[in-house]
Full PDB file with SEQRES, HELIX, SHEET, SSBOND, CRYST1, ORIGX, SCALE, CONECT and MASTER records, all heavy atoms in Angstrom:
SEQRES   1 A   43  GLY LYS TYR PHE LEU GLU ILE ARG LEU SER PRO ALA ALA          
SEQRES   2 A   43  ALA HIS ASN GLU SER GLY GLN SER VAL TYR LYS GLY PRO          
SEQRES   3 A   43  ARG LEU VAL ARG LEU SER LEU PRO ALA LEU LYS GLY VAL          
SEQRES   4 A   43  ALA LEU THR GLY                                              
SHEET    1 AA1 2 LEU A  28  ARG A  30  0                                        
SHEET    2 AA1 2 GLY A  38  ALA A  40 -1                                        
CRYST1    1.000    1.000    1.000  90.00  90.00  90.00 P 1           1          
ORIGX1      1.000000  0.000000  0.000000        0.00000                         
ORIGX2      0.000000  1.000000  0.000000        0.00000                         
ORIGX3      0.000000  0.000000  1.000000        0.00000                         
SCALE1      1.000000  0.000000  0.000000        0.00000                         
SCALE2      0.000000  1.000000  0.000000        0.00000                         
SCALE3      0.000000  0.000000  1.000000        0.00000                         
ATOM      1  N   GLY A   1       4.704 181.237 246.638  1.00  0.00           N  
ATOM      2  CA  GLY A   1       5.764 182.225 246.732  1.00  0.00           C  
ATOM      3  C   GLY A   1       7.083 181.641 247.179  1.00  0.00           C  
ATOM      4  O   GLY A   1       7.130 180.541 247.749  1.00  0.00           O  
ATOM      5  N   LYS A   2       8.125 182.406 246.975  1.00  0.00           N  
ATOM      6  CA  LYS A   2       9.476 182.015 247.410  1.00  0.00           C  
ATOM      7  C   LYS A   2       9.974 182.906 248.532  1.00  0.00           C  
ATOM      8  O   LYS A   2      10.938 182.574 249.219  1.00  0.00           O  
ATOM      9  CB  LYS A   2      10.461 182.120 246.234  1.00  0.00           C  
ATOM     10  CG  LYS A   2      10.211 181.130 245.123  1.00  0.00           C  
ATOM     11  CD  LYS A   2      11.121 181.247 243.916  1.00  0.00           C  
ATOM     12  CE  LYS A   2      12.392 181.981 244.097  1.00  0.00           C  
ATOM     13  NZ  LYS A   2      13.226 182.091 242.899  1.00  0.00           N  
ATOM     14  N   TYR A   3       9.301 184.035 248.731  1.00  0.00           N  
ATOM     15  CA  TYR A   3       9.723 185.011 249.760  1.00  0.00           C  
ATOM     16  C   TYR A   3       8.514 185.341 250.619  1.00  0.00           C  
ATOM     17  O   TYR A   3       7.394 185.466 250.104  1.00  0.00           O  
ATOM     18  CB  TYR A   3      10.299 186.279 249.093  1.00  0.00           C  
ATOM     19  CG  TYR A   3      11.491 185.981 248.246  1.00  0.00           C  
ATOM     20  CD1 TYR A   3      11.312 185.713 246.879  1.00  0.00           C  
ATOM     21  CD2 TYR A   3      12.756 185.958 248.749  1.00  0.00           C  
ATOM     22  CE1 TYR A   3      12.426 185.453 246.082  1.00  0.00           C  
ATOM     23  CE2 TYR A   3      13.863 185.689 247.984  1.00  0.00           C  
ATOM     24  CZ  TYR A   3      13.701 185.433 246.636  1.00  0.00           C  
ATOM     25  OH  TYR A   3      14.766 185.157 245.834  1.00  0.00           O  
ATOM     26  N   PHE A   4       8.778 185.551 251.914  1.00  0.00           N  
ATOM     27  CA  PHE A   4       7.685 185.789 252.836  1.00  0.00           C  
ATOM     28  C   PHE A   4       8.057 186.843 253.879  1.00  0.00           C  
ATOM     29  O   PHE A   4       9.204 186.951 254.258  1.00  0.00           O  
ATOM     30  CB  PHE A   4       7.325 184.479 253.585  1.00  0.00           C  
ATOM     31  CG  PHE A   4       7.012 183.344 252.655  1.00  0.00           C  
ATOM     32  CD1 PHE A   4       8.003 182.423 252.300  1.00  0.00           C  
ATOM     33  CD2 PHE A   4       5.752 183.204 252.102  1.00  0.00           C  
ATOM     34  CE1 PHE A   4       7.721 181.376 251.416  1.00  0.00           C  
ATOM     35  CE2 PHE A   4       5.468 182.169 251.227  1.00  0.00           C  
ATOM     36  CZ  PHE A   4       6.470 181.241 250.877  1.00  0.00           C  
ATOM     37  N   LEU A   5       7.040 187.598 254.273  1.00  0.00           N  
ATOM     38  CA  LEU A   5       7.203 188.570 255.349  1.00  0.00           C  
ATOM     39  C   LEU A   5       6.225 188.219 256.448  1.00  0.00           C  
ATOM     40  O   LEU A   5       5.048 187.910 256.192  1.00  0.00           O  
ATOM     41  CB  LEU A   5       6.909 190.000 254.874  1.00  0.00           C  
ATOM     42  CG  LEU A   5       7.879 190.599 253.862  1.00  0.00           C  
ATOM     43  CD1 LEU A   5       7.390 191.989 253.438  1.00  0.00           C  
ATOM     44  CD2 LEU A   5       9.269 190.704 254.437  1.00  0.00           C  
ATOM     45  N   GLU A   6       6.726 188.227 257.684  1.00  0.00           N  
ATOM     46  CA  GLU A   6       5.862 188.065 258.874  1.00  0.00           C  
ATOM     47  C   GLU A   6       5.687 189.438 259.502  1.00  0.00           C  
ATOM     48  O   GLU A   6       6.666 190.106 259.789  1.00  0.00           O  
ATOM     49  CB  GLU A   6       6.505 187.103 259.844  1.00  0.00           C  
ATOM     50  CG  GLU A   6       5.640 186.883 261.078  1.00  0.00           C  
ATOM     51  CD  GLU A   6       6.312 185.973 262.101  1.00  0.00           C  
ATOM     52  OE1 GLU A   6       7.220 186.462 262.797  1.00  0.00           O  
ATOM     53  OE2 GLU A   6       5.935 184.790 262.151  1.00  0.00           O  
ATOM     54  N   ILE A   7       4.448 189.810 259.708  1.00  0.00           N  
ATOM     55  CA  ILE A   7       4.108 191.111 260.296  1.00  0.00           C  
ATOM     56  C   ILE A   7       3.511 190.853 261.655  1.00  0.00           C  
ATOM     57  O   ILE A   7       2.483 190.165 261.787  1.00  0.00           O  
ATOM     58  CB  ILE A   7       3.115 191.880 259.410  1.00  0.00           C  
ATOM     59  CG1 ILE A   7       3.660 191.987 257.980  1.00  0.00           C  
ATOM     60  CG2 ILE A   7       2.785 193.235 260.016  1.00  0.00           C  
ATOM     61  CD1 ILE A   7       2.633 192.343 256.968  1.00  0.00           C  
ATOM     62  N   ARG A   8       4.200 191.337 262.733  1.00  0.00           N  
ATOM     63  CA  ARG A   8       3.798 191.076 264.129  1.00  0.00           C  
ATOM     64  C   ARG A   8       3.336 192.374 264.774  1.00  0.00           C  
ATOM     65  O   ARG A   8       4.089 193.359 264.813  1.00  0.00           O  
ATOM     66  CB  ARG A   8       4.951 190.503 264.920  1.00  0.00           C  
ATOM     67  CG  ARG A   8       5.434 189.169 264.432  1.00  0.00           C  
ATOM     68  CD  ARG A   8       6.677 188.695 265.162  1.00  0.00           C  
ATOM     69  NE  ARG A   8       6.491 188.584 266.577  1.00  0.00           N  
ATOM     70  CZ  ARG A   8       6.055 187.502 267.220  1.00  0.00           C  
ATOM     71  NH1 ARG A   8       5.770 186.422 266.509  1.00  0.00           N  
ATOM     72  NH2 ARG A   8       5.902 187.486 268.506  1.00  0.00           N  
ATOM     73  N   LEU A   9       2.143 192.364 265.315  1.00  0.00           N  
ATOM     74  CA  LEU A   9       1.626 193.467 266.072  1.00  0.00           C  
ATOM     75  C   LEU A   9       1.503 193.068 267.519  1.00  0.00           C  
ATOM     76  O   LEU A   9       0.885 192.023 267.834  1.00  0.00           O  
ATOM     77  CB  LEU A   9       0.218 193.889 265.537  1.00  0.00           C  
ATOM     78  CG  LEU A   9       0.166 194.402 264.092  1.00  0.00           C  
ATOM     79  CD1 LEU A   9      -0.063 193.247 263.135  1.00  0.00           C  
ATOM     80  CD2 LEU A   9      -0.912 195.419 263.976  1.00  0.00           C  
ATOM     81  N   SER A  10       2.122 193.828 268.424  1.00  0.00           N  
ATOM     82  CA  SER A  10       2.096 193.462 269.828  1.00  0.00           C  
ATOM     83  C   SER A  10       2.325 194.687 270.696  1.00  0.00           C  
ATOM     84  O   SER A  10       3.253 195.455 270.439  1.00  0.00           O  
ATOM     85  CB  SER A  10       3.167 192.396 270.111  1.00  0.00           C  
ATOM     86  OG  SER A  10       3.190 192.046 271.480  1.00  0.00           O  
ATOM     87  N   PRO A  11       1.480 194.854 271.730  1.00  0.00           N  
ATOM     88  CA  PRO A  11       0.381 194.014 272.118  1.00  0.00           C  
ATOM     89  C   PRO A  11      -0.853 194.269 271.273  1.00  0.00           C  
ATOM     90  O   PRO A  11      -1.214 195.404 270.991  1.00  0.00           O  
ATOM     91  CB  PRO A  11       0.126 194.446 273.578  1.00  0.00           C  
ATOM     92  CG  PRO A  11       0.598 195.864 273.657  1.00  0.00           C  
ATOM     93  CD  PRO A  11       1.709 195.974 272.637  1.00  0.00           C  
ATOM     94  N   ALA A  12      -1.472 193.188 270.851  1.00  0.00           N  
ATOM     95  CA  ALA A  12      -2.656 193.243 270.005  1.00  0.00           C  
ATOM     96  C   ALA A  12      -3.437 191.932 270.112  1.00  0.00           C  
ATOM     97  O   ALA A  12      -2.886 190.915 270.565  1.00  0.00           O  
ATOM     98  CB  ALA A  12      -2.282 193.499 268.563  1.00  0.00           C  
ATOM     99  N   ALA A  13      -4.685 191.939 269.678  1.00  0.00           N  
ATOM    100  CA  ALA A  13      -5.520 190.765 269.631  1.00  0.00           C  
ATOM    101  C   ALA A  13      -6.467 190.863 268.459  1.00  0.00           C  
ATOM    102  O   ALA A  13      -6.762 191.957 267.990  1.00  0.00           O  
ATOM    103  CB  ALA A  13      -6.321 190.609 270.933  1.00  0.00           C  
ATOM    104  N   ALA A  14      -6.908 189.708 267.961  1.00  0.00           N  
ATOM    105  CA  ALA A  14      -7.918 189.688 266.915  1.00  0.00           C  
ATOM    106  C   ALA A  14      -9.231 189.174 267.497  1.00  0.00           C  
ATOM    107  O   ALA A  14     -10.093 188.685 266.781  1.00  0.00           O  
ATOM    108  CB  ALA A  14      -7.449 188.796 265.751  1.00  0.00           C  
ATOM    109  N   HIS A  15      -9.360 189.285 268.818  1.00  0.00           N  
ATOM    110  CA  HIS A  15     -10.548 188.878 269.531  1.00  0.00           C  
ATOM    111  C   HIS A  15     -10.815 189.884 270.653  1.00  0.00           C  
ATOM    112  O   HIS A  15      -9.929 190.638 271.051  1.00  0.00           O  
ATOM    113  CB  HIS A  15     -10.394 187.462 270.121  1.00  0.00           C  
ATOM    114  CG  HIS A  15      -9.264 187.337 271.077  1.00  0.00           C  
ATOM    115  ND1 HIS A  15      -7.949 187.149 270.664  1.00  0.00           N  
ATOM    116  CD2 HIS A  15      -9.226 187.440 272.426  1.00  0.00           C  
ATOM    117  CE1 HIS A  15      -7.167 187.119 271.739  1.00  0.00           C  
ATOM    118  NE2 HIS A  15      -7.916 187.306 272.823  1.00  0.00           N  
ATOM    119  N   ASN A  16     -12.064 189.873 271.164  1.00  0.00           N  
ATOM    120  CA  ASN A  16     -12.373 190.778 272.267  1.00  0.00           C  
ATOM    121  C   ASN A  16     -12.153 190.101 273.614  1.00  0.00           C  
ATOM    122  O   ASN A  16     -11.701 188.959 273.660  1.00  0.00           O  
ATOM    123  CB  ASN A  16     -13.819 191.309 272.100  1.00  0.00           C  
ATOM    124  CG  ASN A  16     -14.876 190.211 272.161  1.00  0.00           C  
ATOM    125  OD1 ASN A  16     -14.652 189.136 272.688  1.00  0.00           O  
ATOM    126  ND2 ASN A  16     -16.045 190.503 271.603  1.00  0.00           N  
ATOM    127  N   GLU A  17     -12.495 190.793 274.677  1.00  0.00           N  
ATOM    128  CA  GLU A  17     -12.259 190.259 276.019  1.00  0.00           C  
ATOM    129  C   GLU A  17     -13.100 188.998 276.285  1.00  0.00           C  
ATOM    130  O   GLU A  17     -12.767 188.233 277.164  1.00  0.00           O  
ATOM    131  CB  GLU A  17     -12.563 191.333 277.064  1.00  0.00           C  
ATOM    132  CG  GLU A  17     -11.551 192.465 277.048  1.00  0.00           C  
ATOM    133  CD  GLU A  17     -11.865 193.575 278.040  1.00  0.00           C  
ATOM    134  OE1 GLU A  17     -12.836 193.423 278.800  1.00  0.00           O  
ATOM    135  OE2 GLU A  17     -11.134 194.583 278.033  1.00  0.00           O  
ATOM    136  N   SER A  18     -14.180 188.795 275.541  1.00  0.00           N  
ATOM    137  CA  SER A  18     -15.007 187.606 275.693  1.00  0.00           C  
ATOM    138  C   SER A  18     -14.495 186.443 274.871  1.00  0.00           C  
ATOM    139  O   SER A  18     -15.051 185.373 274.902  1.00  0.00           O  
ATOM    140  CB  SER A  18     -16.447 187.911 275.275  1.00  0.00           C  
ATOM    141  OG  SER A  18     -16.970 188.959 276.039  1.00  0.00           O  
ATOM    142  N   GLY A  19     -13.429 186.640 274.103  1.00  0.00           N  
ATOM    143  CA  GLY A  19     -12.859 185.590 273.295  1.00  0.00           C  
ATOM    144  C   GLY A  19     -13.487 185.512 271.905  1.00  0.00           C  
ATOM    145  O   GLY A  19     -13.125 184.630 271.111  1.00  0.00           O  
ATOM    146  N   GLN A  20     -14.403 186.408 271.565  1.00  0.00           N  
ATOM    147  CA  GLN A  20     -15.050 186.385 270.249  1.00  0.00           C  
ATOM    148  C   GLN A  20     -14.208 187.120 269.254  1.00  0.00           C  
ATOM    149  O   GLN A  20     -13.642 188.187 269.532  1.00  0.00           O  
ATOM    150  CB  GLN A  20     -16.435 187.016 270.347  1.00  0.00           C  
ATOM    151  CG  GLN A  20     -17.385 186.315 271.269  1.00  0.00           C  
ATOM    152  CD  GLN A  20     -18.632 187.142 271.564  1.00  0.00           C  
ATOM    153  OE1 GLN A  20     -18.580 188.333 271.666  1.00  0.00           O  
ATOM    154  NE2 GLN A  20     -19.751 186.409 271.719  1.00  0.00           N  
ATOM    155  N   SER A  21     -14.103 186.575 268.059  1.00  0.00           N  
ATOM    156  CA  SER A  21     -13.273 187.173 267.012  1.00  0.00           C  
ATOM    157  C   SER A  21     -13.828 188.542 266.635  1.00  0.00           C  
ATOM    158  O   SER A  21     -15.032 188.714 266.442  1.00  0.00           O  
ATOM    159  CB  SER A  21     -13.234 186.276 265.780  1.00  0.00           C  
ATOM    160  OG  SER A  21     -12.449 186.889 264.777  1.00  0.00           O  
ATOM    161  N   VAL A  22     -12.940 189.539 266.508  1.00  0.00           N  
ATOM    162  CA  VAL A  22     -13.292 190.856 265.984  1.00  0.00           C  
ATOM    163  C   VAL A  22     -12.690 191.026 264.602  1.00  0.00           C  
ATOM    164  O   VAL A  22     -12.957 192.008 263.913  1.00  0.00           O  
ATOM    165  CB  VAL A  22     -12.819 191.998 266.905  1.00  0.00           C  
ATOM    166  CG1 VAL A  22     -13.537 191.934 268.257  1.00  0.00           C  
ATOM    167  CG2 VAL A  22     -11.332 191.997 267.089  1.00  0.00           C  
ATOM    168  N   TYR A  23     -11.892 190.055 264.179  1.00  0.00           N  
ATOM    169  CA  TYR A  23     -11.250 190.088 262.888  1.00  0.00           C  
ATOM    170  C   TYR A  23     -12.233 189.674 261.788  1.00  0.00           C  
ATOM    171  O   TYR A  23     -12.817 188.592 261.843  1.00  0.00           O  
ATOM    172  CB  TYR A  23     -10.029 189.128 262.872  1.00  0.00           C  
ATOM    173  CG  TYR A  23      -9.306 189.091 261.556  1.00  0.00           C  
ATOM    174  CD1 TYR A  23      -8.481 190.153 261.185  1.00  0.00           C  
ATOM    175  CD2 TYR A  23      -9.464 188.042 260.691  1.00  0.00           C  
ATOM    176  CE1 TYR A  23      -7.811 190.137 259.970  1.00  0.00           C  
ATOM    177  CE2 TYR A  23      -8.781 188.023 259.482  1.00  0.00           C  
ATOM    178  CZ  TYR A  23      -7.980 189.053 259.145  1.00  0.00           C  
ATOM    179  OH  TYR A  23      -7.302 189.043 257.939  1.00  0.00           O  
ATOM    180  N   LYS A  24     -12.446 190.552 260.819  1.00  0.00           N  
ATOM    181  CA  LYS A  24     -13.424 190.306 259.745  1.00  0.00           C  
ATOM    182  C   LYS A  24     -12.749 190.078 258.386  1.00  0.00           C  
ATOM    183  O   LYS A  24     -13.412 189.896 257.400  1.00  0.00           O  
ATOM    184  CB  LYS A  24     -14.401 191.464 259.641  1.00  0.00           C  
ATOM    185  CG  LYS A  24     -15.102 191.788 260.922  1.00  0.00           C  
ATOM    186  CD  LYS A  24     -15.905 190.619 261.432  1.00  0.00           C  
ATOM    187  CE  LYS A  24     -16.603 190.968 262.723  1.00  0.00           C  
ATOM    188  NZ  LYS A  24     -17.000 189.788 263.506  1.00  0.00           N  
ATOM    189  N   GLY A  25     -11.430 190.074 258.366  1.00  0.00           N  
ATOM    190  CA  GLY A  25     -10.704 189.911 257.097  1.00  0.00           C  
ATOM    191  C   GLY A  25     -10.526 188.445 256.740  1.00  0.00           C  
ATOM    192  O   GLY A  25     -11.004 187.535 257.442  1.00  0.00           O  
ATOM    193  N   PRO A  26      -9.793 188.194 255.678  1.00  0.00           N  
ATOM    194  CA  PRO A  26      -9.553 186.828 255.245  1.00  0.00           C  
ATOM    195  C   PRO A  26      -8.587 186.107 256.166  1.00  0.00           C  
ATOM    196  O   PRO A  26      -7.669 186.697 256.717  1.00  0.00           O  
ATOM    197  CB  PRO A  26      -8.952 187.013 253.854  1.00  0.00           C  
ATOM    198  CG  PRO A  26      -8.284 188.317 253.921  1.00  0.00           C  
ATOM    199  CD  PRO A  26      -9.129 189.167 254.823  1.00  0.00           C  
ATOM    200  N   ARG A  27      -8.772 184.786 256.309  1.00  0.00           N  
ATOM    201  CA  ARG A  27      -7.848 183.978 257.079  1.00  0.00           C  
ATOM    202  C   ARG A  27      -6.703 183.512 256.183  1.00  0.00           C  
ATOM    203  O   ARG A  27      -5.568 183.380 256.644  1.00  0.00           O  
ATOM    204  CB  ARG A  27      -8.563 182.719 257.639  1.00  0.00           C  
ATOM    205  CG  ARG A  27      -9.716 183.035 258.539  1.00  0.00           C  
ATOM    206  CD  ARG A  27      -9.234 183.521 259.858  1.00  0.00           C  
ATOM    207  NE  ARG A  27     -10.358 183.936 260.688  1.00  0.00           N  
ATOM    208  CZ  ARG A  27     -10.226 184.337 261.926  1.00  0.00           C  
ATOM    209  NH1 ARG A  27      -9.035 184.361 262.495  1.00  0.00           N  
ATOM    210  NH2 ARG A  27     -11.279 184.748 262.605  1.00  0.00           N  
ATOM    211  N   LEU A  28      -6.984 183.295 254.914  1.00  0.00           N  
ATOM    212  CA  LEU A  28      -6.001 182.872 253.934  1.00  0.00           C  
ATOM    213  C   LEU A  28      -6.542 183.234 252.551  1.00  0.00           C  
ATOM    214  O   LEU A  28      -7.669 182.870 252.197  1.00  0.00           O  
ATOM    215  CB  LEU A  28      -5.771 181.355 254.017  1.00  0.00           C  
ATOM    216  CG  LEU A  28      -4.844 180.761 252.990  1.00  0.00           C  
ATOM    217  CD1 LEU A  28      -3.380 181.045 253.370  1.00  0.00           C  
ATOM    218  CD2 LEU A  28      -5.041 179.271 252.900  1.00  0.00           C  
ATOM    219  N   VAL A  29      -5.763 183.957 251.786  1.00  0.00           N  
ATOM    220  CA  VAL A  29      -6.190 184.319 250.433  1.00  0.00           C  
ATOM    221  C   VAL A  29      -4.970 184.335 249.502  1.00  0.00           C  
ATOM    222  O   VAL A  29      -3.902 184.805 249.835  1.00  0.00           O  
ATOM    223  CB  VAL A  29      -6.923 185.693 250.409  1.00  0.00           C  
ATOM    224  CG1 VAL A  29      -6.030 186.824 250.834  1.00  0.00           C  
ATOM    225  CG2 VAL A  29      -7.533 185.974 249.052  1.00  0.00           C  
ATOM    226  N   ARG A  30      -5.143 183.713 248.324  1.00  0.00           N  
ATOM    227  CA  ARG A  30      -4.126 183.721 247.292  1.00  0.00           C  
ATOM    228  C   ARG A  30      -4.455 184.872 246.333  1.00  0.00           C  
ATOM    229  O   ARG A  30      -5.617 185.060 245.981  1.00  0.00           O  
ATOM    230  CB  ARG A  30      -4.124 182.396 246.552  1.00  0.00           C  
ATOM    231  CG  ARG A  30      -3.705 181.257 247.467  1.00  0.00           C  
ATOM    232  CD  ARG A  30      -3.980 179.916 246.831  1.00  0.00           C  
ATOM    233  NE  ARG A  30      -3.766 178.888 247.831  1.00  0.00           N  
ATOM    234  CZ  ARG A  30      -2.912 177.904 247.712  1.00  0.00           C  
ATOM    235  NH1 ARG A  30      -2.196 177.771 246.616  1.00  0.00           N  
ATOM    236  NH2 ARG A  30      -2.762 177.027 248.662  1.00  0.00           N  
ATOM    237  N   LEU A  31      -3.419 185.599 245.950  1.00  0.00           N  
ATOM    238  CA  LEU A  31      -3.596 186.775 245.104  1.00  0.00           C  
ATOM    239  C   LEU A  31      -2.736 186.670 243.853  1.00  0.00           C  
ATOM    240  O   LEU A  31      -1.741 185.905 243.849  1.00  0.00           O  
ATOM    241  CB  LEU A  31      -3.214 188.027 245.883  1.00  0.00           C  
ATOM    242  CG  LEU A  31      -3.991 188.246 247.197  1.00  0.00           C  
ATOM    243  CD1 LEU A  31      -3.330 189.358 248.001  1.00  0.00           C  
ATOM    244  CD2 LEU A  31      -5.433 188.581 246.885  1.00  0.00           C  
ATOM    245  N   SER A  32      -3.076 187.453 242.845  1.00  0.00           N  
ATOM    246  CA  SER A  32      -2.268 187.482 241.607  1.00  0.00           C  
ATOM    247  C   SER A  32      -1.884 188.925 241.281  1.00  0.00           C  
ATOM    248  O   SER A  32      -1.951 189.357 240.157  1.00  0.00           O  
ATOM    249  CB  SER A  32      -3.090 186.916 240.430  1.00  0.00           C  
ATOM    250  OG  SER A  32      -3.319 185.542 240.664  1.00  0.00           O  
ATOM    251  N   LEU A  33      -1.488 189.652 242.310  1.00  0.00           N  
ATOM    252  CA  LEU A  33      -1.013 191.025 242.097  1.00  0.00           C  
ATOM    253  C   LEU A  33       0.435 190.972 241.584  1.00  0.00           C  
ATOM    254  O   LEU A  33       1.105 189.931 241.706  1.00  0.00           O  
ATOM    255  CB  LEU A  33      -1.116 191.814 243.391  1.00  0.00           C  
ATOM    256  CG  LEU A  33      -2.531 191.907 244.010  1.00  0.00           C  
ATOM    257  CD1 LEU A  33      -2.479 192.750 245.286  1.00  0.00           C  
ATOM    258  CD2 LEU A  33      -3.508 192.486 243.034  1.00  0.00           C  
ATOM    259  N   PRO A  34       0.935 192.075 241.043  1.00  0.00           N  
ATOM    260  CA  PRO A  34       2.328 192.032 240.542  1.00  0.00           C  
ATOM    261  C   PRO A  34       3.359 191.617 241.592  1.00  0.00           C  
ATOM    262  O   PRO A  34       4.266 190.859 241.301  1.00  0.00           O  
ATOM    263  CB  PRO A  34       2.551 193.466 240.098  1.00  0.00           C  
ATOM    264  CG  PRO A  34       1.184 193.968 239.705  1.00  0.00           C  
ATOM    265  CD  PRO A  34       0.264 193.312 240.713  1.00  0.00           C  
ATOM    266  N   ALA A  35       3.230 192.063 242.837  1.00  0.00           N  
ATOM    267  CA  ALA A  35       4.183 191.696 243.880  1.00  0.00           C  
ATOM    268  C   ALA A  35       3.562 190.728 244.902  1.00  0.00           C  
ATOM    269  O   ALA A  35       4.116 189.679 245.168  1.00  0.00           O  
ATOM    270  CB  ALA A  35       4.695 192.955 244.604  1.00  0.00           C  
ATOM    271  N   LEU A  36       2.409 191.083 245.428  1.00  0.00           N  
ATOM    272  CA  LEU A  36       1.778 190.321 246.518  1.00  0.00           C  
ATOM    273  C   LEU A  36       1.038 189.092 245.963  1.00  0.00           C  
ATOM    274  O   LEU A  36       0.155 189.230 245.140  1.00  0.00           O  
ATOM    275  CB  LEU A  36       0.818 191.238 247.272  1.00  0.00           C  
ATOM    276  CG  LEU A  36       0.154 190.720 248.520  1.00  0.00           C  
ATOM    277  CD1 LEU A  36       1.179 190.318 249.578  1.00  0.00           C  
ATOM    278  CD2 LEU A  36      -0.818 191.763 249.068  1.00  0.00           C  
ATOM    279  N   LYS A  37       1.408 187.909 246.455  1.00  0.00           N  
ATOM    280  CA  LYS A  37       0.835 186.654 245.983  1.00  0.00           C  
ATOM    281  C   LYS A  37      -0.087 185.964 246.979  1.00  0.00           C  
ATOM    282  O   LYS A  37      -0.809 185.026 246.646  1.00  0.00           O  
ATOM    283  CB  LYS A  37       1.941 185.674 245.564  1.00  0.00           C  
ATOM    284  CG  LYS A  37       2.841 186.207 244.487  1.00  0.00           C  
ATOM    285  CD  LYS A  37       2.049 186.617 243.258  1.00  0.00           C  
ATOM    286  CE  LYS A  37       2.901 187.192 242.163  1.00  0.00           C  
ATOM    287  NZ  LYS A  37       2.121 187.801 241.091  1.00  0.00           N  
ATOM    288  N   GLY A  38      -0.093 186.434 248.220  1.00  0.00           N  
ATOM    289  CA  GLY A  38      -0.985 185.862 249.210  1.00  0.00           C  
ATOM    290  C   GLY A  38      -0.850 186.518 250.551  1.00  0.00           C  
ATOM    291  O   GLY A  38       0.170 187.146 250.870  1.00  0.00           O  
ATOM    292  N   VAL A  39      -1.914 186.397 251.355  1.00  0.00           N  
ATOM    293  CA  VAL A  39      -1.970 186.952 252.705  1.00  0.00           C  
ATOM    294  C   VAL A  39      -2.674 185.968 253.613  1.00  0.00           C  
ATOM    295  O   VAL A  39      -3.645 185.312 253.189  1.00  0.00           O  
ATOM    296  CB  VAL A  39      -2.731 188.293 252.715  1.00  0.00           C  
ATOM    297  CG1 VAL A  39      -2.884 188.831 254.107  1.00  0.00           C  
ATOM    298  CG2 VAL A  39      -2.076 189.323 251.807  1.00  0.00           C  
ATOM    299  N   ALA A  40      -2.217 185.838 254.859  1.00  0.00           N  
ATOM    300  CA  ALA A  40      -2.851 184.960 255.815  1.00  0.00           C  
ATOM    301  C   ALA A  40      -2.747 185.550 257.213  1.00  0.00           C  
ATOM    302  O   ALA A  40      -1.704 186.123 257.575  1.00  0.00           O  
ATOM    303  CB  ALA A  40      -2.194 183.578 255.789  1.00  0.00           C  
ATOM    304  N   LEU A  41      -3.813 185.388 258.006  1.00  0.00           N  
ATOM    305  CA  LEU A  41      -3.742 185.668 259.421  1.00  0.00           C  
ATOM    306  C   LEU A  41      -3.126 184.402 260.029  1.00  0.00           C  
ATOM    307  O   LEU A  41      -3.696 183.322 259.960  1.00  0.00           O  
ATOM    308  CB  LEU A  41      -5.153 185.876 259.992  1.00  0.00           C  
ATOM    309  CG  LEU A  41      -5.185 186.130 261.511  1.00  0.00           C  
ATOM    310  CD1 LEU A  41      -4.539 187.458 261.880  1.00  0.00           C  
ATOM    311  CD2 LEU A  41      -6.640 186.094 262.006  1.00  0.00           C  
ATOM    312  N   THR A  42      -1.916 184.519 260.562  1.00  0.00           N  
ATOM    313  CA  THR A  42      -1.196 183.318 261.005  1.00  0.00           C  
ATOM    314  C   THR A  42      -1.197 183.155 262.510  1.00  0.00           C  
ATOM    315  O   THR A  42      -0.819 182.092 262.993  1.00  0.00           O  
ATOM    316  CB  THR A  42       0.275 183.346 260.510  1.00  0.00           C  
ATOM    317  OG1 THR A  42       0.918 184.533 260.972  1.00  0.00           O  
ATOM    318  CG2 THR A  42       0.302 183.303 258.992  1.00  0.00           C  
ATOM    319  N   GLY A  43      -1.625 184.170 263.272  1.00  0.00           N  
ATOM    320  CA  GLY A  43      -1.676 183.973 264.692  1.00  0.00           C  
ATOM    321  C   GLY A  43      -2.409 185.081 265.436  1.00  0.00           C  
ATOM    322  O   GLY A  43      -2.477 186.217 264.979  1.00  0.00           O  
TER     323      GLY A  43                                                      
MASTER        0    0    0    0    2    0    0    6  322    1    0    4          
END                                                                             
């Protein structure tokens, strides 16, 4: 891609109080949709 959006959620976490991940989605995925070309959990 040539254009990017950063989406920040705060206060938030993708892990629980024990440090275990609660995030079940993709870490990085390339897409071929008309507008959206990829998504990544970046932090």
